[in-house]
Amino acid sequence: MIEFHNVAYGYGGRDIFSGLDLALPAGSFHFLTGPSGAGKTTFLKLCYRDLEASSGRVDFFDQADSTLDRDAVAKLRRRIGVVHQDCQFLDHLTISENIALPLTVANRPVSPQDLSDLLVWVGLSDRADALPPELSGGERQRAALARAIIMSPDVILADEPTGNVDWDMSLRLLKLLTELNKMGKTVVIATHDLHLIRQAKSMVQARVLRIADKRILQAGADL
């Protein structure tokens, strides 16, 4: 689905990645690890074309990055759901309106039943009319996940989704993400939480990708 071919990326005179060769196949599940500042967020941004490679080639759904115009980039982003680390919402809109916002922006109809089912799935049906400032950290993360998948994307990228929640909520979020993978979605979770990765062993077949020496290495066998 997303393939990196000899990709390099850097800024400010500093190389973040060099000679990066990696494929994220359909239906795969990956944990991305590495020390703070190693480039986890940068890699995710390359995966949804928020950043462009300095050199090399990135293929999105069998289409080379260099062939994508603005409309094509917009279309591919509808196939990639992103859960950002900071979980930004529009505070004057309810949670249900925030979750449905990608559909609204894309001029797609919002099915009340589908939205209701999604809220139930992430455990927020009783918070549909709440405003973002009224939510706990775990509720915000689940709302961010719901918003990321409202367009039914093929790929879900999550940047430290459990970084600001307790262990019970981390496991709940992990369960939701593994359920998405079992539906055939490609999932990439950037995390420094090794306990979370170990916990996933009984839940999903996953690969651990480790950032080291400006490259991404497969760190061992399948979980």
C-alpha atoms as a PDB file:
ATOM      1  CA  MET A   1       0.000   0.000   0.000  1.00  0.00           C
ATOM      2  CA  ILE A   2       2.769   2.422   0.967  1.00  0.00           C
ATOM      3  CA  GLU A   3       6.304   1.721  -0.222  1.00  0.00           C
ATOM      4  CA  PHE A   4       9.552   3.619   0.345  1.00  0.00           C
ATOM      5  CA  HIS A   5      12.316   3.253  -2.235  1.00  0.00           C
ATOM      6  CA  ASN A   6      15.744   4.630  -1.238  1.00  0.00           C
ATOM      7  CA  VAL A   7      14.048   7.556   0.492  1.00  0.00           C
ATOM      8  CA  ALA A   8      15.952  10.346   2.201  1.00  0.00           C
ATOM      9  CA  TYR A   9      14.530  13.212   4.219  1.00  0.00           C
ATOM     10  CA  GLY A  10      16.133  16.027   6.162  1.00  0.00           C
ATOM     11  CA  TYR A  11      15.831  19.677   7.055  1.00  0.00           C
ATOM     12  CA  GLY A  12      17.980  22.406   8.519  1.00  0.00           C
ATOM     13  CA  GLY A  13      21.102  20.639   7.322  1.00  0.00           C
ATOM     14  CA  ARG A  14      20.244  17.504   9.304  1.00  0.00           C
ATOM     15  CA  ASP A  15      19.433  14.150   7.723  1.00  0.00           C
ATOM     16  CA  ILE A  16      16.568  12.320   9.436  1.00  0.00           C
ATOM     17  CA  PHE A  17      16.358   9.374   7.042  1.00  0.00           C
ATOM     18  CA  SER A  18      18.701   8.054   4.383  1.00  0.00           C
ATOM     19  CA  GLY A  19      18.391   5.048   2.074  1.00  0.00           C
ATOM     20  CA  LEU A  20      15.017   4.116   3.497  1.00  0.00           C
ATOM     21  CA  ASP A  21      13.491   1.002   1.882  1.00  0.00           C
ATOM     22  CA  LEU A  22      10.283  -0.241   3.466  1.00  0.00           C
ATOM     23  CA  ALA A  23       6.857  -1.561   2.516  1.00  0.00           C
ATOM     24  CA  LEU A  24       3.634  -1.374   4.515  1.00  0.00           C
ATOM     25  CA  PRO A  25       1.498  -4.093   2.872  1.00  0.00           C
ATOM     26  CA  ALA A  26      -2.282  -4.223   2.943  1.00  0.00           C
ATOM     27  CA  GLY A  27      -3.597  -5.636   6.207  1.00  0.00           C
ATOM     28  CA  SER A  28      -0.265  -5.439   8.045  1.00  0.00           C
ATOM     29  CA  PHE A  29       0.237  -4.189  11.604  1.00  0.00           C
ATOM     30  CA  HIS A  30       3.410  -2.375  12.654  1.00  0.00           C
ATOM     31  CA  PHE A  31       4.800  -0.771  15.785  1.00  0.00           C
ATOM     32  CA  LEU A  32       7.322   1.993  15.096  1.00  0.00           C
ATOM     33  CA  THR A  33       9.852   2.561  17.877  1.00  0.00           C
ATOM     34  CA  GLY A  34      12.892   4.711  18.455  1.00  0.00           C
ATOM     35  CA  PRO A  35      14.231   7.293  20.883  1.00  0.00           C
ATOM     36  CA  SER A  36      12.662  10.711  21.168  1.00  0.00           C
ATOM     37  CA  GLY A  37      13.657  12.849  18.196  1.00  0.00           C
ATOM     38  CA  ALA A  38      14.600   9.837  16.050  1.00  0.00           C
ATOM     39  CA  GLY A  39      11.954  10.645  13.451  1.00  0.00           C
ATOM     40  CA  LYS A  40       8.802   8.669  14.318  1.00  0.00           C
ATOM     41  CA  THR A  41       6.453  11.573  13.632  1.00  0.00           C
ATOM     42  CA  THR A  42       8.445  12.540  10.535  1.00  0.00           C
ATOM     43  CA  PHE A  43       8.039   9.017   9.143  1.00  0.00           C
ATOM     44  CA  LEU A  44       4.280   9.105   9.709  1.00  0.00           C
ATOM     45  CA  LYS A  45       4.086  12.465   7.937  1.00  0.00           C
ATOM     46  CA  LEU A  46       5.900  10.955   4.962  1.00  0.00           C
ATOM     47  CA  CYS A  47       3.313   8.147   5.031  1.00  0.00           C
ATOM     48  CA  TYR A  48       0.390  10.521   4.521  1.00  0.00           C
ATOM     49  CA  ARG A  49       2.240  12.962   2.287  1.00  0.00           C
ATOM     50  CA  ASP A  50       2.308  15.820   4.784  1.00  0.00           C
ATOM     51  CA  LEU A  51       6.047  15.822   4.018  1.00  0.00           C
ATOM     52  CA  GLU A  52       7.753  14.988   0.720  1.00  0.00           C
ATOM     53  CA  ALA A  53      10.928  12.940   0.486  1.00  0.00           C
ATOM     54  CA  SER A  54      14.112  14.874  -0.272  1.00  0.00           C
ATOM     55  CA  SER A  55      15.111  12.080  -2.633  1.00  0.00           C
ATOM     56  CA  GLY A  56      14.002   8.590  -3.558  1.00  0.00           C
ATOM     57  CA  ARG A  57      10.411   7.554  -4.221  1.00  0.00           C
ATOM     58  CA  VAL A  58       7.329   6.880  -2.151  1.00  0.00           C
ATOM     59  CA  ASP A  59       4.510   4.904  -3.752  1.00  0.00           C
ATOM     60  CA  PHE A  60       0.979   5.318  -2.443  1.00  0.00           C
ATOM     61  CA  PHE A  61      -1.449   2.587  -3.490  1.00  0.00           C
ATOM     62  CA  ASP A  62       0.740   1.706  -6.501  1.00  0.00           C
ATOM     63  CA  GLN A  63       1.043   5.340  -7.576  1.00  0.00           C
ATOM     64  CA  ALA A  64       4.384   7.173  -7.449  1.00  0.00           C
ATOM     65  CA  ASP A  65       4.491  10.281  -5.301  1.00  0.00           C
ATOM     66  CA  SER A  66       5.904  12.352  -8.171  1.00  0.00           C
ATOM     67  CA  THR A  67       2.748  11.778 -10.243  1.00  0.00           C
ATOM     68  CA  LEU A  68       0.369  13.141  -7.609  1.00  0.00           C
ATOM     69  CA  ASP A  69      -1.176  16.567  -8.128  1.00  0.00           C
ATOM     70  CA  ARG A  70      -3.090  18.445  -5.431  1.00  0.00           C
ATOM     71  CA  ASP A  71      -6.383  16.648  -6.139  1.00  0.00           C
ATOM     72  CA  ALA A  72      -4.670  13.254  -6.102  1.00  0.00           C
ATOM     73  CA  VAL A  73      -3.018  14.024  -2.760  1.00  0.00           C
ATOM     74  CA  ALA A  74      -6.406  14.995  -1.319  1.00  0.00           C
ATOM     75  CA  LYS A  75      -7.885  11.714  -2.533  1.00  0.00           C
ATOM     76  CA  LEU A  76      -5.106   9.563  -1.132  1.00  0.00           C
ATOM     77  CA  ARG A  77      -5.400  11.260   2.275  1.00  0.00           C
ATOM     78  CA  ARG A  78      -9.009  10.118   2.409  1.00  0.00           C
ATOM     79  CA  ARG A  79      -7.634   6.594   2.336  1.00  0.00           C
ATOM     80  CA  ILE A  80      -5.262   7.258   5.253  1.00  0.00           C
ATOM     81  CA  GLY A  81      -6.613   8.004   8.726  1.00  0.00           C
ATOM     82  CA  VAL A  82      -4.278   9.742  11.185  1.00  0.00           C
ATOM     83  CA  VAL A  83      -4.505   9.863  14.974  1.00  0.00           C
ATOM     84  CA  HIS A  84      -2.281  12.764  15.950  1.00  0.00           C
ATOM     85  CA  GLN A  85      -0.461  12.887  19.254  1.00  0.00           C
ATOM     86  CA  ASP A  86      -1.986  16.226  20.272  1.00  0.00           C
ATOM     87  CA  CYS A  87      -5.642  15.390  19.372  1.00  0.00           C
ATOM     88  CA  GLN A  88      -6.749  18.835  18.207  1.00  0.00           C
ATOM     89  CA  PHE A  89     -10.498  19.493  17.957  1.00  0.00           C
ATOM     90  CA  LEU A  90     -12.734  22.466  17.210  1.00  0.00           C
ATOM     91  CA  ASP A  91     -13.885  23.414  20.690  1.00  0.00           C
ATOM     92  CA  HIS A  92     -17.150  25.043  19.552  1.00  0.00           C
ATOM     93  CA  LEU A  93     -18.353  21.808  17.921  1.00  0.00           C
ATOM     94  CA  THR A  94     -19.670  18.778  19.762  1.00  0.00           C
ATOM     95  CA  ILE A  95     -17.690  15.555  19.721  1.00  0.00           C
ATOM     96  CA  SER A  96     -20.067  13.979  17.216  1.00  0.00           C
ATOM     97  CA  GLU A  97     -19.677  17.028  14.947  1.00  0.00           C
ATOM     98  CA  ASN A  98     -15.882  16.879  15.290  1.00  0.00           C
ATOM     99  CA  ILE A  99     -15.844  13.187  14.419  1.00  0.00           C
ATOM    100  CA  ALA A 100     -18.042  13.792  11.358  1.00  0.00           C
ATOM    101  CA  LEU A 101     -15.977  16.793  10.209  1.00  0.00           C
ATOM    102  CA  PRO A 102     -13.896  14.889   7.587  1.00  0.00           C
ATOM    103  CA  LEU A 103     -17.139  13.865   5.858  1.00  0.00           C
ATOM    104  CA  THR A 104     -18.436  17.423   6.018  1.00  0.00           C
ATOM    105  CA  VAL A 105     -15.231  18.828   4.527  1.00  0.00           C
ATOM    106  CA  ALA A 106     -15.340  16.219   1.751  1.00  0.00           C
ATOM    107  CA  ASN A 107     -18.995  17.108   1.005  1.00  0.00           C
ATOM    108  CA  ARG A 108     -20.075  13.578   1.844  1.00  0.00           C
ATOM    109  CA  PRO A 109     -23.361  12.806   3.602  1.00  0.00           C
ATOM    110  CA  VAL A 110     -23.218  12.010   7.299  1.00  0.00           C
ATOM    111  CA  SER A 111     -25.263   8.932   8.154  1.00  0.00           C
ATOM    112  CA  PRO A 112     -26.705   9.399  11.670  1.00  0.00           C
ATOM    113  CA  GLN A 113     -26.823   5.631  12.115  1.00  0.00           C
ATOM    114  CA  ASP A 114     -23.214   5.107  11.027  1.00  0.00           C
ATOM    115  CA  LEU A 115     -22.079   7.942  13.286  1.00  0.00           C
ATOM    116  CA  SER A 116     -24.048   6.492  16.179  1.00  0.00           C
ATOM    117  CA  ASP A 117     -22.544   3.042  15.593  1.00  0.00           C
ATOM    118  CA  LEU A 118     -19.047   4.524  15.524  1.00  0.00           C
ATOM    119  CA  LEU A 119     -19.627   6.368  18.794  1.00  0.00           C
ATOM    120  CA  VAL A 120     -20.797   3.121  20.386  1.00  0.00           C
ATOM    121  CA  TRP A 121     -17.749   1.290  19.052  1.00  0.00           C
ATOM    122  CA  VAL A 122     -15.319   3.747  20.685  1.00  0.00           C
ATOM    123  CA  GLY A 123     -17.420   3.962  23.855  1.00  0.00           C
ATOM    124  CA  LEU A 124     -18.497   7.589  23.467  1.00  0.00           C
ATOM    125  CA  SER A 125     -22.228   7.275  22.789  1.00  0.00           C
ATOM    126  CA  ASP A 126     -23.010   9.073  26.056  1.00  0.00           C
ATOM    127  CA  ARG A 127     -20.581  11.903  25.184  1.00  0.00           C
ATOM    128  CA  ALA A 128     -21.841  12.679  21.668  1.00  0.00           C
ATOM    129  CA  ASP A 129     -23.055  16.162  22.624  1.00  0.00           C
ATOM    130  CA  ALA A 130     -20.112  17.051  24.852  1.00  0.00           C
ATOM    131  CA  LEU A 131     -17.620  19.718  23.816  1.00  0.00           C
ATOM    132  CA  PRO A 132     -13.931  18.779  23.510  1.00  0.00           C
ATOM    133  CA  PRO A 133     -12.803  20.642  26.667  1.00  0.00           C
ATOM    134  CA  GLU A 134     -15.221  18.494  28.674  1.00  0.00           C
ATOM    135  CA  LEU A 135     -13.525  15.223  27.705  1.00  0.00           C
ATOM    136  CA  SER A 136     -10.880  13.264  29.584  1.00  0.00           C
ATOM    137  CA  GLY A 137      -7.604  12.356  27.916  1.00  0.00           C
ATOM    138  CA  GLY A 138      -8.793   8.848  27.109  1.00  0.00           C
ATOM    139  CA  GLU A 139     -12.062  10.123  25.673  1.00  0.00           C
ATOM    140  CA  ARG A 140     -10.187  12.581  23.461  1.00  0.00           C
ATOM    141  CA  GLN A 141      -7.969   9.800  22.118  1.00  0.00           C
ATOM    142  CA  ARG A 142     -10.968   7.599  21.331  1.00  0.00           C
ATOM    143  CA  ALA A 143     -12.691  10.523  19.643  1.00  0.00           C
ATOM    144  CA  ALA A 144      -9.538  11.140  17.603  1.00  0.00           C
ATOM    145  CA  LEU A 145      -9.542   7.496  16.513  1.00  0.00           C
ATOM    146  CA  ALA A 146     -13.210   7.701  15.523  1.00  0.00           C
ATOM    147  CA  ARG A 147     -12.529  10.840  13.480  1.00  0.00           C
ATOM    148  CA  ALA A 148      -9.562   9.142  11.786  1.00  0.00           C
ATOM    149  CA  ILE A 149     -11.676   6.213  10.575  1.00  0.00           C
ATOM    150  CA  ILE A 150     -14.952   8.003   9.724  1.00  0.00           C
ATOM    151  CA  MET A 151     -13.949   7.959   6.032  1.00  0.00           C
ATOM    152  CA  SER A 152     -13.293   4.196   6.173  1.00  0.00           C
ATOM    153  CA  PRO A 153      -9.592   4.524   5.289  1.00  0.00           C
ATOM    154  CA  ASP A 154      -7.363   1.659   4.186  1.00  0.00           C
ATOM    155  CA  VAL A 155      -4.481   2.755   6.432  1.00  0.00           C
ATOM    156  CA  ILE A 156      -4.527   4.029  10.036  1.00  0.00           C
ATOM    157  CA  LEU A 157      -1.474   5.859  11.414  1.00  0.00           C
ATOM    158  CA  ALA A 158      -1.379   6.551  15.154  1.00  0.00           C
ATOM    159  CA  ASP A 159       1.279   8.797  16.674  1.00  0.00           C
ATOM    160  CA  GLU A 160       1.834   7.880  20.355  1.00  0.00           C
ATOM    161  CA  PRO A 161      -1.915   7.260  20.847  1.00  0.00           C
ATOM    162  CA  THR A 162      -1.393   5.987  24.407  1.00  0.00           C
ATOM    163  CA  GLY A 163       1.183   8.549  25.480  1.00  0.00           C
ATOM    164  CA  ASN A 164      -1.144  10.572  27.724  1.00  0.00           C
ATOM    165  CA  VAL A 165      -3.514   7.919  29.084  1.00  0.00           C
ATOM    166  CA  ASP A 166      -3.370   5.274  31.815  1.00  0.00           C
ATOM    167  CA  TRP A 167      -2.661   1.593  31.233  1.00  0.00           C
ATOM    168  CA  ASP A 168      -6.303   0.489  31.131  1.00  0.00           C
ATOM    169  CA  MET A 169      -7.082   3.084  28.475  1.00  0.00           C
ATOM    170  CA  SER A 170      -3.918   2.127  26.567  1.00  0.00           C
ATOM    171  CA  LEU A 171      -5.187  -1.450  26.362  1.00  0.00           C
ATOM    172  CA  ARG A 172      -8.619  -0.248  25.265  1.00  0.00           C
ATOM    173  CA  LEU A 173      -7.118   1.813  22.450  1.00  0.00           C
ATOM    174  CA  LEU A 174      -4.866  -1.079  21.436  1.00  0.00           C
ATOM    175  CA  LYS A 175      -7.897  -3.377  21.264  1.00  0.00           C
ATOM    176  CA  LEU A 176      -9.718  -0.930  18.982  1.00  0.00           C
ATOM    177  CA  LEU A 177      -6.703  -0.689  16.688  1.00  0.00           C
ATOM    178  CA  THR A 178      -6.272  -4.465  16.528  1.00  0.00           C
ATOM    179  CA  GLU A 179      -9.964  -4.810  15.676  1.00  0.00           C
ATOM    180  CA  LEU A 180      -9.433  -2.439  12.754  1.00  0.00           C
ATOM    181  CA  ASN A 181      -6.509  -4.545  11.591  1.00  0.00           C
ATOM    182  CA  LYS A 182      -8.655  -7.669  11.700  1.00  0.00           C
ATOM    183  CA  MET A 183     -11.060  -5.845   9.371  1.00  0.00           C
ATOM    184  CA  GLY A 184      -8.192  -5.664   6.846  1.00  0.00           C
ATOM    185  CA  LYS A 185      -6.837  -2.208   7.664  1.00  0.00           C
ATOM    186  CA  THR A 186      -3.107  -1.493   7.647  1.00  0.00           C
ATOM    187  CA  VAL A 187      -2.118  -0.089  11.053  1.00  0.00           C
ATOM    188  CA  VAL A 188       1.075   1.695  12.110  1.00  0.00           C
ATOM    189  CA  ILE A 189       1.501   2.775  15.742  1.00  0.00           C
ATOM    190  CA  ALA A 190       4.425   4.994  16.681  1.00  0.00           C
ATOM    191  CA  THR A 191       5.190   4.375  20.340  1.00  0.00           C
ATOM    192  CA  HIS A 192       7.979   4.224  22.893  1.00  0.00           C
ATOM    193  CA  ASP A 193       5.866   1.990  25.171  1.00  0.00           C
ATOM    194  CA  LEU A 194       7.488  -1.450  25.104  1.00  0.00           C
ATOM    195  CA  HIS A 195       4.876  -2.791  27.540  1.00  0.00           C
ATOM    196  CA  LEU A 196       2.185  -1.988  24.994  1.00  0.00           C
ATOM    197  CA  ILE A 197       4.109  -3.811  22.277  1.00  0.00           C
ATOM    198  CA  ARG A 198       4.518  -6.879  24.503  1.00  0.00           C
ATOM    199  CA  GLN A 199       0.814  -6.817  25.352  1.00  0.00           C
ATOM    200  CA  ALA A 200      -0.035  -6.890  21.654  1.00  0.00           C
ATOM    201  CA  LYS A 201       1.591 -10.313  21.313  1.00  0.00           C
ATOM    202  CA  SER A 202      -1.603 -12.111  22.327  1.00  0.00           C
ATOM    203  CA  MET A 203      -3.842  -9.843  20.260  1.00  0.00           C
ATOM    204  CA  VAL A 204      -2.380  -9.410  16.784  1.00  0.00           C
ATOM    205  CA  GLN A 205       0.412 -10.508  14.467  1.00  0.00           C
ATOM    206  CA  ALA A 206       2.613  -7.433  14.194  1.00  0.00           C
ATOM    207  CA  ARG A 207       6.070  -6.321  13.191  1.00  0.00           C
ATOM    208  CA  VAL A 208       8.271  -3.995  15.199  1.00  0.00           C
ATOM    209  CA  LEU A 209      10.050  -1.332  13.153  1.00  0.00           C
ATOM    210  CA  ARG A 210      12.976   0.365  14.884  1.00  0.00           C
ATOM    211  CA  ILE A 211      14.517   3.661  13.819  1.00  0.00           C
ATOM    212  CA  ALA A 212      18.313   3.524  13.993  1.00  0.00           C
ATOM    213  CA  ASP A 213      21.118   5.147  12.019  1.00  0.00           C
ATOM    214  CA  LYS A 214      18.682   7.107   9.826  1.00  0.00           C
ATOM    215  CA  ARG A 215      16.942   3.926   8.701  1.00  0.00           C
ATOM    216  CA  ILE A 216      14.019   1.808   9.784  1.00  0.00           C
ATOM    217  CA  LEU A 217      14.933  -1.753  10.667  1.00  0.00           C
ATOM    218  CA  GLN A 218      12.667  -4.724  11.262  1.00  0.00           C
ATOM    219  CA  ALA A 219      13.410  -5.572  14.875  1.00  0.00           C
ATOM    220  CA  GLY A 220      13.010  -9.312  15.133  1.00  0.00           C
ATOM    221  CA  ALA A 221      10.276 -11.783  14.308  1.00  0.00           C
ATOM    222  CA  ASP A 222       6.559 -11.307  14.190  1.00  0.00           C
ATOM    223  CA  LEU A 223       4.881 -10.721  17.498  1.00  0.00           C
END
